[in-house]
Amino acid sequence: MRRLESAFVEANRALVAVALAAIFGIVFANVIGRYVLGSSFAWGEEAARHLMVFGAFAGAGLALRERRLVAIDLVADMLPAPAGRLLRWMVVIVLFVFMAAMGWLGIRFVDFGWSKETMSTGMSRGIPYLAIPIGCALFLAHLALFARRFVDPERDAEERARLLDAGDGP
């Protein structure tokens, strides 16, 4: 199971890295085109914007796993251990319900936009809107795999130490 989880995390990281590299390439080519050649790609800004939204949604689960999302742990840390764990489980449930609802609404949004075209590229608006349900699905998968470690920070610290000792990384 750990190998599957590790492969999932690495594939998600690669997906975000490809999106960021594509954004960089498109924006760089547009700047060179505009200031060196005197002409830029009409589709560049739109494509970079769509990729940025996709990268943000696809990377949200990774940010959760690496504890990079904005969080206030003070209350949970101040409570006795059982109450802190209960509060963290409640946070997990709220996150799960919110992301599941947002994923469902994202699917409906894709369906709504599928018959409309984007301004510069002329592609279906449903394609960039896919970032919402795909990102929510990735987030939910990360949450399901990470929830127990999130709820018990001591177990998370022990797991990270074990992985670092084994050379697997966090």
N, C-alpha and C. Protein backbone atom coordinates (compact mmCIF):
# COMPACT_ATOMS: atom_id res chain seq x y z
N MET A 1 0.82 -1.20 0.00
CA MET A 1 0.00 0.00 0.00
C MET A 1 0.86 1.26 0.00
N ARG A 2 1.97 1.21 0.75
CA ARG A 2 2.86 2.38 0.80
C ARG A 2 3.44 2.70 -0.57
N ARG A 3 3.78 1.66 -1.33
CA ARG A 3 4.32 1.89 -2.67
C ARG A 3 3.28 2.53 -3.58
N LEU A 4 2.06 2.06 -3.48
CA LEU A 4 0.97 2.63 -4.28
C LEU A 4 0.76 4.10 -3.90
N GLU A 5 0.75 4.37 -2.60
CA GLU A 5 0.58 5.75 -2.14
C GLU A 5 1.74 6.62 -2.61
N SER A 6 2.95 6.10 -2.50
CA SER A 6 4.13 6.85 -2.94
C SER A 6 4.08 7.12 -4.44
N ALA A 7 3.66 6.12 -5.22
CA ALA A 7 3.54 6.30 -6.67
C ALA A 7 2.48 7.34 -7.00
N PHE A 8 1.37 7.31 -6.26
CA PHE A 8 0.30 8.29 -6.45
C PHE A 8 0.81 9.71 -6.18
N VAL A 9 1.54 9.88 -5.08
CA VAL A 9 2.07 11.20 -4.72
C VAL A 9 3.06 11.67 -5.78
N GLU A 10 3.93 10.80 -6.23
CA GLU A 10 4.91 11.18 -7.25
C GLU A 10 4.24 11.53 -8.58
N ALA A 11 3.22 10.78 -8.96
CA ALA A 11 2.48 11.09 -10.20
C ALA A 11 1.79 12.44 -10.08
N ASN A 12 1.23 12.73 -8.91
CA ASN A 12 0.57 14.02 -8.69
C ASN A 12 1.59 15.15 -8.76
N ARG A 13 2.75 14.95 -8.14
CA ARG A 13 3.82 15.96 -8.21
C ARG A 13 4.26 16.19 -9.65
N ALA A 14 4.40 15.11 -10.41
CA ALA A 14 4.80 15.24 -11.81
C ALA A 14 3.76 16.00 -12.61
N LEU A 15 2.50 15.74 -12.36
CA LEU A 15 1.41 16.44 -13.05
C LEU A 15 1.47 17.94 -12.78
N VAL A 16 1.67 18.31 -11.53
CA VAL A 16 1.77 19.73 -11.17
C VAL A 16 3.03 20.34 -11.79
N ALA A 17 4.14 19.60 -11.78
CA ALA A 17 5.39 20.10 -12.36
C ALA A 17 5.24 20.33 -13.87
N VAL A 18 4.57 19.42 -14.56
CA VAL A 18 4.35 19.58 -16.00
C VAL A 18 3.49 20.82 -16.27
N ALA A 19 2.45 21.01 -15.46
CA ALA A 19 1.60 22.19 -15.63
C ALA A 19 2.40 23.47 -15.42
N LEU A 20 3.23 23.50 -14.36
CA LEU A 20 4.04 24.69 -14.10
C LEU A 20 5.08 24.92 -15.19
N ALA A 21 5.69 23.85 -15.69
CA ALA A 21 6.66 23.99 -16.78
C ALA A 21 5.99 24.51 -18.05
N ALA A 22 4.79 24.03 -18.32
CA ALA A 22 4.05 24.51 -19.50
C ALA A 22 3.70 25.98 -19.35
N ILE A 23 3.28 26.38 -18.15
CA ILE A 23 2.99 27.81 -17.91
C ILE A 23 4.23 28.64 -18.17
N PHE A 24 5.36 28.20 -17.60
CA PHE A 24 6.61 28.93 -17.79
C PHE A 24 6.96 29.04 -19.28
N GLY A 25 6.86 27.91 -20.00
CA GLY A 25 7.19 27.92 -21.42
C GLY A 25 6.30 28.83 -22.23
N ILE A 26 5.01 28.80 -21.96
CA ILE A 26 4.06 29.63 -22.70
C ILE A 26 4.30 31.10 -22.42
N VAL A 27 4.45 31.45 -21.15
CA VAL A 27 4.65 32.86 -20.78
C VAL A 27 5.99 33.35 -21.31
N PHE A 28 7.03 32.53 -21.19
CA PHE A 28 8.36 32.93 -21.69
C PHE A 28 8.32 33.15 -23.21
N ALA A 29 7.69 32.21 -23.93
CA ALA A 29 7.59 32.35 -25.39
C ALA A 29 6.78 33.59 -25.75
N ASN A 30 5.75 33.90 -25.00
CA ASN A 30 4.93 35.08 -25.27
C ASN A 30 5.73 36.37 -25.02
N VAL A 31 6.52 36.40 -23.96
CA VAL A 31 7.33 37.59 -23.68
C VAL A 31 8.38 37.78 -24.76
N ILE A 32 9.06 36.71 -25.14
CA ILE A 32 10.06 36.80 -26.22
C ILE A 32 9.38 37.24 -27.52
N GLY A 33 8.26 36.63 -27.81
CA GLY A 33 7.54 37.00 -29.02
C GLY A 33 7.13 38.46 -29.02
N ARG A 34 6.63 38.94 -27.91
CA ARG A 34 6.13 40.31 -27.83
C ARG A 34 7.27 41.33 -27.90
N TYR A 35 8.33 41.12 -27.13
CA TYR A 35 9.36 42.15 -27.02
C TYR A 35 10.53 41.96 -27.98
N VAL A 36 10.72 40.77 -28.51
CA VAL A 36 11.81 40.55 -29.46
C VAL A 36 11.29 40.51 -30.89
N LEU A 37 10.20 39.80 -31.10
CA LEU A 37 9.67 39.63 -32.44
C LEU A 37 8.54 40.60 -32.77
N GLY A 38 8.02 41.28 -31.76
CA GLY A 38 6.95 42.24 -31.98
C GLY A 38 5.57 41.63 -32.14
N SER A 39 5.44 40.36 -31.84
CA SER A 39 4.14 39.70 -31.95
C SER A 39 4.07 38.58 -30.91
N SER A 40 2.91 38.43 -30.30
CA SER A 40 2.76 37.37 -29.30
C SER A 40 1.63 36.44 -29.70
N PHE A 41 1.56 35.33 -29.00
CA PHE A 41 0.50 34.36 -29.27
C PHE A 41 -0.80 34.84 -28.63
N ALA A 42 -1.86 34.86 -29.39
CA ALA A 42 -3.15 35.31 -28.87
C ALA A 42 -3.68 34.36 -27.81
N TRP A 43 -3.36 33.10 -27.90
CA TRP A 43 -3.87 32.08 -27.00
C TRP A 43 -3.03 31.92 -25.74
N GLY A 44 -1.86 32.55 -25.67
CA GLY A 44 -0.91 32.32 -24.59
C GLY A 44 -1.44 32.64 -23.21
N GLU A 45 -2.04 33.82 -23.05
CA GLU A 45 -2.54 34.21 -21.73
C GLU A 45 -3.64 33.28 -21.26
N GLU A 46 -4.55 32.95 -22.16
CA GLU A 46 -5.66 32.07 -21.79
C GLU A 46 -5.16 30.68 -21.41
N ALA A 47 -4.25 30.14 -22.19
CA ALA A 47 -3.73 28.81 -21.90
C ALA A 47 -2.97 28.79 -20.57
N ALA A 48 -2.16 29.82 -20.33
CA ALA A 48 -1.41 29.89 -19.07
C ALA A 48 -2.36 30.02 -17.88
N ARG A 49 -3.41 30.79 -18.02
CA ARG A 49 -4.38 30.96 -16.94
C ARG A 49 -5.08 29.64 -16.63
N HIS A 50 -5.50 28.91 -17.67
CA HIS A 50 -6.16 27.63 -17.45
C HIS A 50 -5.21 26.63 -16.79
N LEU A 51 -3.96 26.62 -17.23
CA LEU A 51 -2.99 25.71 -16.63
C LEU A 51 -2.69 26.09 -15.18
N MET A 52 -2.71 27.38 -14.88
CA MET A 52 -2.47 27.82 -13.50
C MET A 52 -3.60 27.36 -12.58
N VAL A 53 -4.81 27.47 -13.05
CA VAL A 53 -5.96 27.00 -12.25
C VAL A 53 -5.86 25.49 -12.06
N PHE A 54 -5.52 24.77 -13.13
CA PHE A 54 -5.37 23.32 -13.03
C PHE A 54 -4.27 22.96 -12.04
N GLY A 55 -3.14 23.65 -12.13
CA GLY A 55 -2.03 23.37 -11.20
C GLY A 55 -2.41 23.62 -9.76
N ALA A 56 -3.19 24.67 -9.51
CA ALA A 56 -3.62 24.96 -8.14
C ALA A 56 -4.56 23.87 -7.62
N PHE A 57 -5.51 23.45 -8.43
CA PHE A 57 -6.43 22.40 -7.99
C PHE A 57 -5.69 21.06 -7.84
N ALA A 58 -4.83 20.74 -8.78
CA ALA A 58 -4.11 19.47 -8.73
C ALA A 58 -3.11 19.43 -7.57
N GLY A 59 -2.60 20.58 -7.18
CA GLY A 59 -1.62 20.63 -6.10
C GLY A 59 -2.20 20.79 -4.71
N ALA A 60 -3.51 21.00 -4.60
CA ALA A 60 -4.12 21.22 -3.28
C ALA A 60 -3.97 20.00 -2.37
N GLY A 61 -4.13 18.81 -2.91
CA GLY A 61 -3.97 17.60 -2.11
C GLY A 61 -2.54 17.43 -1.63
N LEU A 62 -1.58 17.77 -2.48
CA LEU A 62 -0.18 17.72 -2.06
C LEU A 62 0.09 18.72 -0.95
N ALA A 63 -0.49 19.91 -1.07
CA ALA A 63 -0.32 20.92 -0.03
C ALA A 63 -0.91 20.44 1.29
N LEU A 64 -2.04 19.76 1.23
CA LEU A 64 -2.64 19.19 2.45
C LEU A 64 -1.69 18.19 3.07
N ARG A 65 -1.19 17.28 2.27
CA ARG A 65 -0.31 16.22 2.75
C ARG A 65 0.97 16.79 3.37
N GLU A 66 1.48 17.86 2.80
CA GLU A 66 2.73 18.46 3.29
C GLU A 66 2.48 19.56 4.31
N ARG A 67 1.22 19.67 4.75
CA ARG A 67 0.81 20.66 5.76
C ARG A 67 1.17 22.09 5.33
N ARG A 68 0.90 22.38 4.06
CA ARG A 68 1.18 23.72 3.53
C ARG A 68 -0.09 24.54 3.33
N LEU A 69 -1.24 23.98 3.67
CA LEU A 69 -2.47 24.75 3.61
C LEU A 69 -2.59 25.58 4.87
N VAL A 70 -3.26 26.70 4.75
CA VAL A 70 -3.46 27.55 5.92
C VAL A 70 -4.27 26.77 6.94
N ALA A 71 -3.75 26.70 8.15
CA ALA A 71 -4.44 25.95 9.20
C ALA A 71 -4.15 26.60 10.54
N ILE A 72 -5.08 26.44 11.42
CA ILE A 72 -4.89 26.92 12.78
C ILE A 72 -4.91 25.69 13.67
N ASP A 73 -3.74 25.27 14.10
CA ASP A 73 -3.62 24.08 14.94
C ASP A 73 -3.63 24.41 16.42
N LEU A 74 -3.62 25.68 16.73
CA LEU A 74 -3.49 26.09 18.12
C LEU A 74 -4.56 25.47 19.01
N VAL A 75 -5.81 25.51 18.58
CA VAL A 75 -6.91 25.00 19.40
C VAL A 75 -6.75 23.49 19.59
N ALA A 76 -6.52 22.76 18.50
CA ALA A 76 -6.37 21.31 18.60
C ALA A 76 -5.16 20.94 19.45
N ASP A 77 -4.09 21.70 19.35
CA ASP A 77 -2.89 21.42 20.12
C ASP A 77 -3.07 21.74 21.60
N MET A 78 -3.92 22.69 21.93
CA MET A 78 -4.14 23.07 23.32
C MET A 78 -5.07 22.10 24.04
N LEU A 79 -5.87 21.38 23.30
CA LEU A 79 -6.83 20.45 23.91
C LEU A 79 -6.12 19.18 24.38
N PRO A 80 -6.73 18.47 25.30
CA PRO A 80 -6.20 17.14 25.64
C PRO A 80 -6.18 16.27 24.39
N ALA A 81 -5.28 15.32 24.34
CA ALA A 81 -5.07 14.51 23.13
C ALA A 81 -6.37 13.93 22.55
N PRO A 82 -7.24 13.31 23.35
CA PRO A 82 -8.47 12.76 22.73
C PRO A 82 -9.36 13.84 22.12
N ALA A 83 -9.49 14.97 22.79
CA ALA A 83 -10.32 16.06 22.24
C ALA A 83 -9.67 16.65 20.99
N GLY A 84 -8.34 16.76 20.98
CA GLY A 84 -7.64 17.27 19.79
C GLY A 84 -7.84 16.35 18.60
N ARG A 85 -7.78 15.02 18.85
CA ARG A 85 -8.01 14.07 17.76
C ARG A 85 -9.45 14.17 17.25
N LEU A 86 -10.40 14.32 18.16
CA LEU A 86 -11.80 14.48 17.76
C LEU A 86 -11.98 15.71 16.89
N LEU A 87 -11.39 16.82 17.29
CA LEU A 87 -11.47 18.06 16.51
C LEU A 87 -10.85 17.87 15.12
N ARG A 88 -9.71 17.19 15.07
CA ARG A 88 -9.07 16.95 13.77
C ARG A 88 -9.93 16.03 12.89
N TRP A 89 -10.59 15.02 13.49
CA TRP A 89 -11.49 14.17 12.71
C TRP A 89 -12.65 15.00 12.15
N MET A 90 -13.13 15.94 12.94
CA MET A 90 -14.21 16.81 12.46
C MET A 90 -13.72 17.65 11.28
N VAL A 91 -12.49 18.12 11.35
CA VAL A 91 -11.91 18.87 10.23
C VAL A 91 -11.82 17.98 8.99
N VAL A 92 -11.39 16.75 9.16
CA VAL A 92 -11.31 15.81 8.03
C VAL A 92 -12.69 15.62 7.40
N ILE A 93 -13.70 15.44 8.23
CA ILE A 93 -15.07 15.24 7.72
C ILE A 93 -15.56 16.47 6.96
N VAL A 94 -15.31 17.65 7.52
CA VAL A 94 -15.73 18.89 6.84
C VAL A 94 -14.99 19.03 5.51
N LEU A 95 -13.68 18.77 5.50
CA LEU A 95 -12.91 18.84 4.25
C LEU A 95 -13.46 17.85 3.23
N PHE A 96 -13.74 16.64 3.68
CA PHE A 96 -14.25 15.62 2.76
C PHE A 96 -15.59 16.02 2.16
N VAL A 97 -16.50 16.47 2.99
CA VAL A 97 -17.84 16.86 2.51
C VAL A 97 -17.72 18.05 1.56
N PHE A 98 -16.90 19.04 1.92
CA PHE A 98 -16.75 20.23 1.08
C PHE A 98 -16.17 19.86 -0.28
N MET A 99 -15.08 19.07 -0.29
CA MET A 99 -14.44 18.74 -1.56
C MET A 99 -15.30 17.80 -2.41
N ALA A 100 -16.03 16.91 -1.77
CA ALA A 100 -16.95 16.04 -2.52
C ALA A 100 -18.05 16.88 -3.17
N ALA A 101 -18.60 17.82 -2.42
CA ALA A 101 -19.65 18.69 -2.97
C ALA A 101 -19.08 19.56 -4.09
N MET A 102 -17.89 20.10 -3.88
CA MET A 102 -17.28 20.93 -4.91
C MET A 102 -16.95 20.10 -6.15
N GLY A 103 -16.51 18.86 -5.97
CA GLY A 103 -16.26 17.98 -7.11
C GLY A 103 -17.53 17.69 -7.89
N TRP A 104 -18.62 17.41 -7.17
CA TRP A 104 -19.91 17.16 -7.82
C TRP A 104 -20.37 18.40 -8.59
N LEU A 105 -20.27 19.55 -7.96
CA LEU A 105 -20.66 20.79 -8.65
C LEU A 105 -19.71 21.08 -9.81
N GLY A 106 -18.45 20.70 -9.66
CA GLY A 106 -17.48 20.87 -10.75
C GLY A 106 -17.87 20.05 -11.97
N ILE A 107 -18.35 18.84 -11.73
CA ILE A 107 -18.82 18.00 -12.85
C ILE A 107 -19.99 18.67 -13.56
N ARG A 108 -20.89 19.21 -12.78
CA ARG A 108 -22.03 19.92 -13.37
C ARG A 108 -21.56 21.17 -14.14
N PHE A 109 -20.53 21.84 -13.62
CA PHE A 109 -19.97 23.03 -14.27
C PHE A 109 -19.32 22.64 -15.60
N VAL A 110 -18.62 21.50 -15.62
CA VAL A 110 -18.03 21.01 -16.87
C VAL A 110 -19.14 20.74 -17.89
N ASP A 111 -20.19 20.09 -17.44
CA ASP A 111 -21.31 19.80 -18.33
C ASP A 111 -21.93 21.09 -18.88
N PHE A 112 -22.08 22.09 -18.01
CA PHE A 112 -22.64 23.38 -18.40
C PHE A 112 -21.76 24.07 -19.45
N GLY A 113 -20.44 24.02 -19.27
CA GLY A 113 -19.55 24.74 -20.17
C GLY A 113 -19.13 23.99 -21.41
N TRP A 114 -19.48 22.70 -21.49
CA TRP A 114 -18.96 21.89 -22.59
C TRP A 114 -19.40 22.41 -23.96
N SER A 115 -20.56 22.97 -24.07
CA SER A 115 -21.05 23.42 -25.38
C SER A 115 -20.62 24.85 -25.72
N LYS A 116 -19.89 25.51 -24.81
CA LYS A 116 -19.42 26.87 -25.06
C LYS A 116 -17.93 26.85 -25.38
N GLU A 117 -17.47 27.87 -26.11
CA GLU A 117 -16.06 27.93 -26.51
C GLU A 117 -15.32 29.02 -25.76
N THR A 118 -14.02 28.79 -25.57
CA THR A 118 -13.18 29.83 -24.97
C THR A 118 -12.89 30.89 -26.02
N MET A 119 -12.50 32.06 -25.56
CA MET A 119 -12.34 33.21 -26.47
C MET A 119 -11.16 33.05 -27.43
N SER A 120 -9.99 32.74 -26.93
CA SER A 120 -8.80 32.74 -27.77
C SER A 120 -8.56 31.42 -28.49
N THR A 121 -8.73 30.32 -27.79
CA THR A 121 -8.39 29.03 -28.38
C THR A 121 -9.56 28.38 -29.10
N GLY A 122 -10.78 28.75 -28.75
CA GLY A 122 -11.95 28.16 -29.37
C GLY A 122 -12.25 26.75 -28.90
N MET A 123 -11.56 26.28 -27.87
CA MET A 123 -11.85 24.94 -27.36
C MET A 123 -13.05 24.99 -26.43
N SER A 124 -13.59 23.85 -26.13
CA SER A 124 -14.73 23.78 -25.23
C SER A 124 -14.33 24.30 -23.85
N ARG A 125 -15.19 25.11 -23.25
CA ARG A 125 -14.91 25.61 -21.90
C ARG A 125 -14.92 24.48 -20.88
N GLY A 126 -15.56 23.40 -21.21
CA GLY A 126 -15.59 22.25 -20.31
C GLY A 126 -14.22 21.66 -20.07
N ILE A 127 -13.30 21.80 -21.03
CA ILE A 127 -11.96 21.22 -20.87
C ILE A 127 -11.20 21.90 -19.72
N PRO A 128 -11.06 23.22 -19.71
CA PRO A 128 -10.38 23.81 -18.55
C PRO A 128 -11.17 23.66 -17.25
N TYR A 129 -12.49 23.57 -17.36
CA TYR A 129 -13.31 23.40 -16.15
C TYR A 129 -13.09 22.03 -15.52
N LEU A 130 -12.53 21.07 -16.27
CA LEU A 130 -12.22 19.76 -15.72
C LEU A 130 -11.24 19.84 -14.55
N ALA A 131 -10.53 20.97 -14.43
CA ALA A 131 -9.60 21.15 -13.31
C ALA A 131 -10.32 20.99 -11.98
N ILE A 132 -11.56 21.40 -11.91
CA ILE A 132 -12.30 21.34 -10.64
C ILE A 132 -12.56 19.90 -10.20
N PRO A 133 -13.25 19.08 -11.00
CA PRO A 133 -13.48 17.71 -10.50
C PRO A 133 -12.21 16.87 -10.40
N ILE A 134 -11.26 17.07 -11.31
CA ILE A 134 -10.01 16.31 -11.22
C ILE A 134 -9.24 16.70 -9.96
N GLY A 135 -9.13 18.01 -9.71
CA GLY A 135 -8.44 18.47 -8.51
C GLY A 135 -9.12 18.02 -7.23
N CYS A 136 -10.44 18.05 -7.22
CA CYS A 136 -11.19 17.59 -6.04
C CYS A 136 -11.00 16.10 -5.82
N ALA A 137 -11.00 15.31 -6.90
CA ALA A 137 -10.77 13.87 -6.77
C ALA A 137 -9.37 13.59 -6.22
N LEU A 138 -8.37 14.31 -6.72
CA LEU A 138 -7.01 14.14 -6.20
C LEU A 138 -6.94 14.52 -4.73
N PHE A 139 -7.59 15.62 -4.36
CA PHE A 139 -7.60 16.07 -2.97
C PHE A 139 -8.25 15.01 -2.08
N LEU A 140 -9.38 14.47 -2.52
CA LEU A 140 -10.07 13.46 -1.73
C LEU A 140 -9.22 12.20 -1.56
N ALA A 141 -8.50 11.83 -2.60
CA ALA A 141 -7.62 10.66 -2.50
C ALA A 141 -6.50 10.93 -1.49
N HIS A 142 -5.90 12.12 -1.56
CA HIS A 142 -4.86 12.48 -0.59
C HIS A 142 -5.44 12.49 0.82
N LEU A 143 -6.61 13.06 0.97
CA LEU A 143 -7.24 13.13 2.29
C LEU A 143 -7.50 11.73 2.84
N ALA A 144 -8.00 10.84 2.01
CA ALA A 144 -8.27 9.47 2.46
C ALA A 144 -6.98 8.76 2.88
N LEU A 145 -5.90 8.98 2.14
CA LEU A 145 -4.64 8.34 2.45
C LEU A 145 -3.93 8.97 3.66
N PHE A 146 -4.21 10.23 3.91
CA PHE A 146 -3.45 11.00 4.90
C PHE A 146 -4.23 11.27 6.19
N ALA A 147 -5.51 10.98 6.23
CA ALA A 147 -6.37 11.39 7.35
C ALA A 147 -5.88 10.89 8.69
N ARG A 148 -5.51 9.63 8.79
CA ARG A 148 -5.08 9.09 10.09
C ARG A 148 -3.83 9.79 10.60
N ARG A 149 -2.89 10.10 9.71
CA ARG A 149 -1.68 10.82 10.13
C ARG A 149 -1.98 12.26 10.48
N PHE A 150 -2.96 12.86 9.80
CA PHE A 150 -3.35 14.23 10.12
C PHE A 150 -3.97 14.31 11.50
N VAL A 151 -4.79 13.34 11.81
CA VAL A 151 -5.50 13.34 13.09
C VAL A 151 -4.54 13.10 14.25
N ASP A 152 -3.52 12.30 14.04
CA ASP A 152 -2.56 11.99 15.11
C ASP A 152 -1.18 12.51 14.70
N PRO A 153 -0.86 13.77 15.03
CA PRO A 153 0.41 14.36 14.62
C PRO A 153 1.63 13.59 15.13
N GLU A 154 1.51 12.95 16.30
CA GLU A 154 2.64 12.18 16.82
C GLU A 154 2.93 10.99 15.91
N ARG A 155 1.87 10.32 15.45
CA ARG A 155 2.04 9.20 14.51
C ARG A 155 2.64 9.71 13.20
N ASP A 156 2.20 10.90 12.77
CA ASP A 156 2.73 11.49 11.55
C ASP A 156 4.22 11.75 11.69
N ALA A 157 4.65 12.30 12.83
CA ALA A 157 6.06 12.58 13.06
C ALA A 157 6.87 11.28 13.08
N GLU A 158 6.33 10.25 13.73
CA GLU A 158 7.01 8.95 13.76
C GLU A 158 7.12 8.36 12.35
N GLU A 159 6.05 8.47 11.57
CA GLU A 159 6.04 7.95 10.20
C GLU A 159 7.05 8.69 9.33
N ARG A 160 7.10 10.00 9.45
CA ARG A 160 8.07 10.79 8.67
C ARG A 160 9.50 10.38 9.03
N ALA A 161 9.77 10.22 10.34
CA ALA A 161 11.10 9.82 10.78
C ALA A 161 11.46 8.44 10.23
N ARG A 162 10.51 7.51 10.25
CA ARG A 162 10.75 6.16 9.74
C ARG A 162 11.05 6.19 8.24
N LEU A 163 10.26 7.02 7.50
CA LEU A 163 10.48 7.11 6.06
C LEU A 163 11.84 7.73 5.75
N LEU A 164 12.22 8.74 6.51
CA LEU A 164 13.51 9.38 6.29
C LEU A 164 14.65 8.40 6.60
N ASP A 165 14.50 7.60 7.65
CA ASP A 165 15.51 6.60 8.00
C ASP A 165 15.62 5.53 6.92
N ALA A 166 14.49 5.19 6.31
CA ALA A 166 14.46 4.16 5.27
C ALA A 166 14.89 4.72 3.93
N GLY A 167 15.02 6.04 3.82
CA GLY A 167 15.44 6.66 2.56
C GLY A 167 14.32 6.89 1.58
N ASP A 168 13.05 6.70 2.01
CA ASP A 168 11.92 6.88 1.11
C ASP A 168 11.50 8.33 0.99
N GLY A 169 11.86 9.19 1.92
CA GLY A 169 11.45 10.59 1.91
C GLY A 169 10.02 10.74 2.38
N PRO A 170 9.61 12.00 2.69
CA PRO A 170 8.24 12.22 3.19
C PRO A 170 7.20 12.10 2.10
